[in-house]
Protein backbone atom coordinates (compact mmCIF):
# COMPACT_ATOMS: atom_id res chain seq x y z
CA MET A 1 0.00 0.00 0.00
CA ALA A 2 1.36 3.43 -0.95
CA GLU A 3 1.63 6.03 1.75
CA MET A 4 -1.17 8.60 1.82
CA GLN A 5 -0.16 11.97 0.38
CA LEU A 6 -1.64 15.43 0.34
CA ARG A 7 -0.52 17.94 -2.29
CA GLY A 8 2.47 15.71 -3.07
CA LYS A 9 3.65 15.62 0.54
CA SER A 10 3.64 12.74 2.96
CA ILE A 11 1.40 12.83 6.01
CA ALA A 12 4.45 13.42 8.24
CA ALA A 13 5.43 16.47 6.20
CA VAL A 14 1.86 17.79 6.38
CA ALA A 15 1.88 17.42 10.17
CA ARG A 16 5.17 19.37 10.37
CA ASP A 17 3.75 22.07 8.08
CA VAL A 18 0.65 22.35 10.29
CA ALA A 19 2.87 22.81 13.36
CA GLU A 20 4.91 25.50 11.65
CA GLY A 21 1.84 27.31 10.30
CA PHE A 22 2.46 26.66 6.58
CA PHE A 23 -0.66 24.51 6.15
CA THR A 24 -4.06 24.51 7.82
CA ILE A 25 -6.45 21.63 8.32
CA ASN A 26 -10.07 22.39 7.49
CA PRO A 27 -13.14 20.34 6.51
CA LEU A 28 -12.61 21.04 2.79
CA VAL A 29 -9.12 19.54 2.90
CA LEU A 30 -10.38 16.54 4.86
CA LYS A 31 -13.15 15.86 2.35
CA LYS A 32 -10.68 14.00 0.09
CA PHE A 33 -9.49 11.69 2.88
CA ASP A 34 -10.62 8.11 3.34
CA PRO A 35 -10.91 6.55 6.85
CA GLU A 36 -7.30 5.28 6.73
CA GLY A 37 -6.13 8.78 5.81
CA TYR A 38 -7.98 10.23 8.79
CA LYS A 39 -6.34 7.72 11.11
CA ALA A 40 -2.87 8.26 9.66
CA LEU A 41 -3.14 12.06 9.87
CA HIS A 42 -4.52 11.90 13.41
CA GLN A 43 -1.69 9.63 14.50
CA GLN A 44 0.93 11.85 12.89
CA LEU A 45 -0.50 15.05 14.40
CA LYS A 46 -0.49 13.44 17.85
CA LYS A 47 3.10 12.31 17.28
CA SER A 48 4.14 15.84 16.27
CA GLN A 49 2.40 17.24 19.32
CA THR A 50 4.32 14.83 21.55
CA LEU A 51 7.61 15.82 19.88
CA VAL A 52 6.95 19.53 20.43
CA ARG A 53 6.04 18.90 24.07
CA GLY A 54 9.22 16.86 24.47
CA GLU A 55 11.50 19.69 23.33
CA LYS A 56 13.59 21.48 25.92
CA PHE A 57 11.46 24.17 27.54
CA PRO A 58 12.86 27.68 26.82
CA GLN A 59 12.56 29.29 30.25
CA HIS A 60 14.23 32.65 29.63
CA ASP A 61 13.65 33.03 25.89
CA ILE A 62 10.25 34.63 25.41
CA LEU A 63 10.24 34.39 21.59
CA ALA A 64 11.11 30.67 21.67
CA LEU A 65 8.40 30.11 24.27
CA ARG A 66 5.84 31.91 22.08
CA GLY A 67 6.90 29.82 19.09
CA ARG A 68 6.54 26.58 21.04
CA ASN A 69 3.13 27.57 22.32
CA ALA A 70 2.00 28.62 18.84
CA ARG A 71 3.06 25.24 17.40
CA LEU A 72 1.18 23.44 20.17
CA GLN A 73 -1.90 25.59 19.58
CA ARG A 74 -1.87 24.95 15.82
CA LEU A 75 -1.52 21.19 16.36
CA HIS A 76 -4.27 21.15 18.97
CA GLY A 77 -6.64 23.04 16.69
CA ALA A 78 -5.91 20.74 13.76
CA ILE A 79 -6.50 17.66 15.92
CA ARG A 80 -9.84 19.02 17.14
CA ILE A 81 -10.99 19.83 13.59
CA LEU A 82 -9.92 16.37 12.43
CA GLU A 83 -11.70 14.65 15.32
CA HIS A 84 -14.90 16.64 14.74
CA SER A 85 -14.88 15.91 11.02
CA ALA A 86 -14.24 12.21 11.72
CA LYS A 87 -17.15 12.16 14.16
CA GLU A 88 -19.45 13.68 11.54
CA ARG A 89 -18.37 11.04 9.00
CA LYS A 90 -18.63 8.29 11.66
CA ILE A 91 -14.95 7.35 11.44
CA MET A 92 -13.42 5.80 14.53
CA LEU A 93 -9.99 7.21 15.32
């Protein structure tokens, strides 16, 4: 089975782009996904979220702290949109 791709990028690359703010997840993007694509993207977003949380916490660098929090916020929002869309389509994640 070939790995799921979106706009010529792998799911892992899409998750990284979501974290960095280069790509947004919305219901129109998710319309093309099959149930396996939903599961793969959900798993990869969760993995990216865990990696960002595992990074060394920048205690005295305000800009780095803002960047970390922004990445976490983007990932959290994408996960919530994905979960809501999956619930509407009755896809178990």
